[in-house]
């Protein structure tokens, strides 16, 4: 005859095994965090202390991305704001 604590431990082990099986079946995640971080930073400029500001999305005449800060709530800087209309 099992005591109450032995029965409780046995039920806990069964539940943990079940949870592990469900967790491994449902949540198989394969994320490349370096690639995700690079993509997130692609349109931002660091201002220090972990803060970032958005940069202009326009291209210069030479084909390089504009490095000016975009206007607040806009995608383009003051110089390229004509593209947003």
N, C-alpha and C. Protein backbone atom coordinates (compact mmCIF):
# COMPACT_ATOMS: atom_id res chain seq x y z
N UNK A 1 0.83 -1.17 0.00
CA UNK A 1 0.00 0.00 0.00
C UNK A 1 0.88 1.24 0.00
N UNK A 2 0.53 2.19 -0.89
CA UNK A 2 1.30 3.43 -0.99
C UNK A 2 0.76 4.46 -0.02
N UNK A 3 1.68 5.26 0.47
CA UNK A 3 1.25 6.37 1.33
C UNK A 3 0.76 7.52 0.44
N UNK A 4 0.15 8.50 1.07
CA UNK A 4 -0.36 9.64 0.30
C UNK A 4 0.77 10.40 -0.40
N UNK A 5 1.90 10.57 0.28
CA UNK A 5 3.02 11.30 -0.31
C UNK A 5 3.62 10.54 -1.49
N UNK A 6 3.67 9.21 -1.41
CA UNK A 6 4.19 8.41 -2.53
C UNK A 6 3.26 8.52 -3.73
N UNK A 7 1.96 8.48 -3.49
CA UNK A 7 0.98 8.62 -4.57
C UNK A 7 1.08 10.00 -5.19
N UNK A 8 1.22 11.01 -4.36
CA UNK A 8 1.34 12.39 -4.85
C UNK A 8 2.59 12.54 -5.71
N UNK A 9 3.72 12.00 -5.27
CA UNK A 9 4.96 12.07 -6.05
C UNK A 9 4.83 11.34 -7.37
N UNK A 10 4.18 10.21 -7.36
CA UNK A 10 3.97 9.44 -8.59
C UNK A 10 3.12 10.24 -9.58
N UNK A 11 2.07 10.89 -9.10
CA UNK A 11 1.22 11.71 -9.97
C UNK A 11 1.98 12.92 -10.51
N UNK A 12 2.81 13.53 -9.66
CA UNK A 12 3.63 14.67 -10.12
C UNK A 12 4.57 14.23 -11.24
N UNK A 13 5.22 13.08 -11.08
CA UNK A 13 6.14 12.59 -12.10
C UNK A 13 5.40 12.32 -13.41
N UNK A 14 4.21 11.74 -13.32
CA UNK A 14 3.42 11.47 -14.53
C UNK A 14 3.03 12.77 -15.22
N UNK A 15 2.61 13.77 -14.44
CA UNK A 15 2.24 15.06 -15.02
C UNK A 15 3.44 15.76 -15.65
N UNK A 16 4.59 15.71 -15.00
CA UNK A 16 5.80 16.33 -15.56
C UNK A 16 6.21 15.66 -16.86
N UNK A 17 6.13 14.33 -16.91
CA UNK A 17 6.45 13.61 -18.15
C UNK A 17 5.47 13.99 -19.26
N UNK A 18 4.20 14.12 -18.91
CA UNK A 18 3.19 14.50 -19.89
C UNK A 18 3.45 15.92 -20.41
N UNK A 19 3.74 16.84 -19.49
CA UNK A 19 4.00 18.23 -19.88
C UNK A 19 5.23 18.33 -20.78
N UNK A 20 6.27 17.59 -20.47
CA UNK A 20 7.48 17.61 -21.30
C UNK A 20 7.18 17.10 -22.70
N UNK A 21 6.37 16.05 -22.79
CA UNK A 21 6.00 15.50 -24.09
C UNK A 21 5.21 16.49 -24.91
N UNK A 22 4.27 17.17 -24.28
CA UNK A 22 3.45 18.18 -24.98
C UNK A 22 4.30 19.37 -25.36
N UNK A 23 5.14 19.82 -24.46
CA UNK A 23 5.98 20.98 -24.71
C UNK A 23 6.93 20.73 -25.88
N UNK A 24 7.52 19.58 -25.93
CA UNK A 24 8.47 19.29 -27.02
C UNK A 24 7.74 19.09 -28.34
N UNK A 25 6.50 18.61 -28.31
CA UNK A 25 5.75 18.40 -29.54
C UNK A 25 5.20 19.70 -30.10
N UNK A 26 4.78 20.63 -29.25
CA UNK A 26 4.14 21.86 -29.71
C UNK A 26 5.11 23.01 -29.96
N UNK A 27 6.16 23.10 -29.20
CA UNK A 27 6.99 24.28 -29.22
C UNK A 27 8.42 24.02 -29.70
N UNK A 28 8.55 23.51 -30.89
CA UNK A 28 9.87 23.35 -31.47
C UNK A 28 10.19 24.67 -32.17
N UNK A 29 11.12 25.45 -31.62
CA UNK A 29 11.44 26.78 -32.12
C UNK A 29 12.88 26.81 -32.59
N UNK A 30 13.08 27.34 -33.78
CA UNK A 30 14.42 27.47 -34.33
C UNK A 30 14.58 28.91 -34.82
N UNK A 31 15.09 29.80 -33.96
CA UNK A 31 15.23 31.22 -34.29
C UNK A 31 16.72 31.57 -34.30
N UNK A 32 17.13 32.25 -35.37
CA UNK A 32 18.49 32.76 -35.46
C UNK A 32 18.46 34.18 -34.89
N UNK A 33 18.84 34.36 -33.63
CA UNK A 33 18.72 35.65 -32.97
C UNK A 33 19.69 36.68 -33.53
N UNK A 34 20.84 36.25 -34.03
CA UNK A 34 21.78 37.20 -34.64
C UNK A 34 21.17 37.81 -35.90
N UNK A 35 20.56 36.98 -36.73
CA UNK A 35 19.92 37.46 -37.95
C UNK A 35 18.73 38.36 -37.63
N UNK A 36 17.94 37.98 -36.63
CA UNK A 36 16.78 38.79 -36.24
C UNK A 36 17.22 40.14 -35.69
N UNK A 37 18.27 40.17 -34.91
CA UNK A 37 18.77 41.43 -34.35
C UNK A 37 19.29 42.34 -35.46
N UNK A 38 19.99 41.76 -36.42
CA UNK A 38 20.51 42.54 -37.55
C UNK A 38 19.37 43.13 -38.38
N UNK A 39 18.33 42.36 -38.61
CA UNK A 39 17.17 42.85 -39.37
C UNK A 39 16.46 43.96 -38.61
N UNK A 40 16.35 43.84 -37.30
CA UNK A 40 15.68 44.87 -36.50
C UNK A 40 16.45 46.17 -36.52
N UNK A 41 17.80 46.09 -36.49
CA UNK A 41 18.64 47.28 -36.47
C UNK A 41 18.86 47.90 -37.84
N UNK A 42 18.37 47.27 -38.90
CA UNK A 42 18.68 47.72 -40.26
C UNK A 42 18.20 49.14 -40.55
N UNK A 43 17.12 49.62 -39.94
CA UNK A 43 16.64 50.97 -40.20
C UNK A 43 16.72 51.87 -38.96
N UNK A 44 17.68 51.59 -38.09
CA UNK A 44 17.83 52.37 -36.86
C UNK A 44 19.28 52.79 -36.65
N UNK A 45 19.45 53.88 -35.91
CA UNK A 45 20.78 54.37 -35.55
C UNK A 45 20.87 54.41 -34.04
N UNK A 46 21.94 53.89 -33.48
CA UNK A 46 22.11 53.86 -32.03
C UNK A 46 22.41 55.25 -31.51
N UNK A 47 21.74 55.64 -30.42
CA UNK A 47 21.99 56.92 -29.77
C UNK A 47 22.67 56.73 -28.42
N UNK A 48 23.03 55.51 -28.08
CA UNK A 48 23.69 55.22 -26.82
C UNK A 48 22.74 54.71 -25.76
N UNK A 49 23.27 54.01 -24.79
CA UNK A 49 22.48 53.46 -23.66
C UNK A 49 21.34 52.57 -24.12
N UNK A 50 21.52 51.87 -25.21
CA UNK A 50 20.47 50.95 -25.68
C UNK A 50 19.29 51.63 -26.34
N UNK A 51 19.43 52.91 -26.67
CA UNK A 51 18.36 53.65 -27.34
C UNK A 51 18.65 53.75 -28.83
N UNK A 52 17.60 53.78 -29.63
CA UNK A 52 17.74 53.85 -31.08
C UNK A 52 16.77 54.86 -31.66
N UNK A 53 17.13 55.45 -32.81
CA UNK A 53 16.23 56.32 -33.55
C UNK A 53 16.17 55.80 -34.98
N UNK A 54 15.01 55.98 -35.60
CA UNK A 54 14.82 55.53 -36.97
C UNK A 54 15.58 56.42 -37.94
N UNK A 55 16.13 55.82 -38.99
CA UNK A 55 16.81 56.58 -40.03
C UNK A 55 15.93 56.62 -41.28
N UNK A 56 16.24 57.52 -42.17
CA UNK A 56 15.50 57.73 -43.40
C UNK A 56 15.56 56.48 -44.28
N UNK A 57 14.47 56.16 -44.96
CA UNK A 57 14.41 54.97 -45.81
C UNK A 57 14.82 55.25 -47.25
N UNK A 58 15.07 56.52 -47.61
CA UNK A 58 15.39 56.88 -48.99
C UNK A 58 16.82 56.48 -49.35
N UNK A 59 17.07 56.37 -50.64
CA UNK A 59 18.41 56.09 -51.16
C UNK A 59 18.98 57.39 -51.74
N UNK A 60 20.30 57.57 -51.62
CA UNK A 60 20.94 58.74 -52.20
C UNK A 60 21.14 58.52 -53.69
N UNK A 61 21.65 59.55 -54.37
CA UNK A 61 21.89 59.44 -55.82
C UNK A 61 22.91 58.35 -56.14
N UNK A 62 23.79 58.08 -55.20
CA UNK A 62 24.82 57.05 -55.40
C UNK A 62 24.29 55.65 -55.09
N UNK A 63 23.04 55.55 -54.62
CA UNK A 63 22.45 54.26 -54.33
C UNK A 63 22.64 53.77 -52.91
N UNK A 64 23.29 54.58 -52.08
CA UNK A 64 23.50 54.21 -50.68
C UNK A 64 22.31 54.70 -49.85
N UNK A 65 22.04 54.05 -48.71
CA UNK A 65 20.93 54.51 -47.87
C UNK A 65 21.26 55.86 -47.22
N UNK A 66 20.26 56.71 -47.11
CA UNK A 66 20.41 58.00 -46.43
C UNK A 66 20.66 57.73 -44.95
N UNK A 67 21.56 58.49 -44.33
CA UNK A 67 21.89 58.23 -42.92
C UNK A 67 21.33 59.29 -41.98
N UNK A 68 20.45 60.17 -42.49
CA UNK A 68 19.83 61.18 -41.64
C UNK A 68 18.73 60.54 -40.80
N UNK A 69 18.43 61.18 -39.66
CA UNK A 69 17.34 60.70 -38.81
C UNK A 69 16.01 61.08 -39.45
N UNK A 70 15.05 60.18 -39.39
CA UNK A 70 13.74 60.47 -39.96
C UNK A 70 12.95 61.40 -39.05
N UNK A 71 11.97 62.09 -39.64
CA UNK A 71 11.11 62.97 -38.86
C UNK A 71 10.25 62.14 -37.93
N UNK A 72 9.78 62.73 -36.85
CA UNK A 72 8.97 62.02 -35.87
C UNK A 72 7.68 61.54 -36.53
N UNK A 73 7.42 60.26 -36.46
CA UNK A 73 6.22 59.68 -37.03
C UNK A 73 6.26 59.50 -38.54
N UNK A 74 7.40 59.75 -39.16
CA UNK A 74 7.56 59.63 -40.62
C UNK A 74 8.63 58.60 -40.94
N UNK A 75 8.68 58.19 -42.21
CA UNK A 75 9.69 57.23 -42.66
C UNK A 75 10.89 57.90 -43.30
N UNK A 76 10.77 59.20 -43.60
CA UNK A 76 11.83 59.91 -44.32
C UNK A 76 12.32 61.12 -43.53
N UNK A 77 13.52 61.58 -43.87
CA UNK A 77 14.09 62.76 -43.24
C UNK A 77 13.50 64.02 -43.88
N UNK A 78 13.92 65.20 -43.41
CA UNK A 78 13.41 66.46 -43.92
C UNK A 78 13.73 66.61 -45.41
N UNK A 79 14.89 66.18 -45.81
CA UNK A 79 15.32 66.29 -47.20
C UNK A 79 14.51 65.40 -48.14
N UNK A 80 14.16 64.21 -47.70
CA UNK A 80 13.45 63.23 -48.53
C UNK A 80 11.95 63.15 -48.23
N UNK A 81 11.40 64.09 -47.47
CA UNK A 81 9.99 64.02 -47.07
C UNK A 81 9.05 64.07 -48.27
N UNK A 82 9.52 64.56 -49.42
CA UNK A 82 8.66 64.61 -50.61
C UNK A 82 8.29 63.20 -51.10
N UNK A 83 9.07 62.18 -50.70
CA UNK A 83 8.78 60.80 -51.11
C UNK A 83 7.59 60.20 -50.34
N UNK A 84 7.28 60.79 -49.20
CA UNK A 84 6.21 60.21 -48.38
C UNK A 84 4.82 60.59 -48.89
N UNK A 85 4.75 61.52 -49.82
CA UNK A 85 3.43 61.98 -50.31
C UNK A 85 3.00 61.25 -51.54
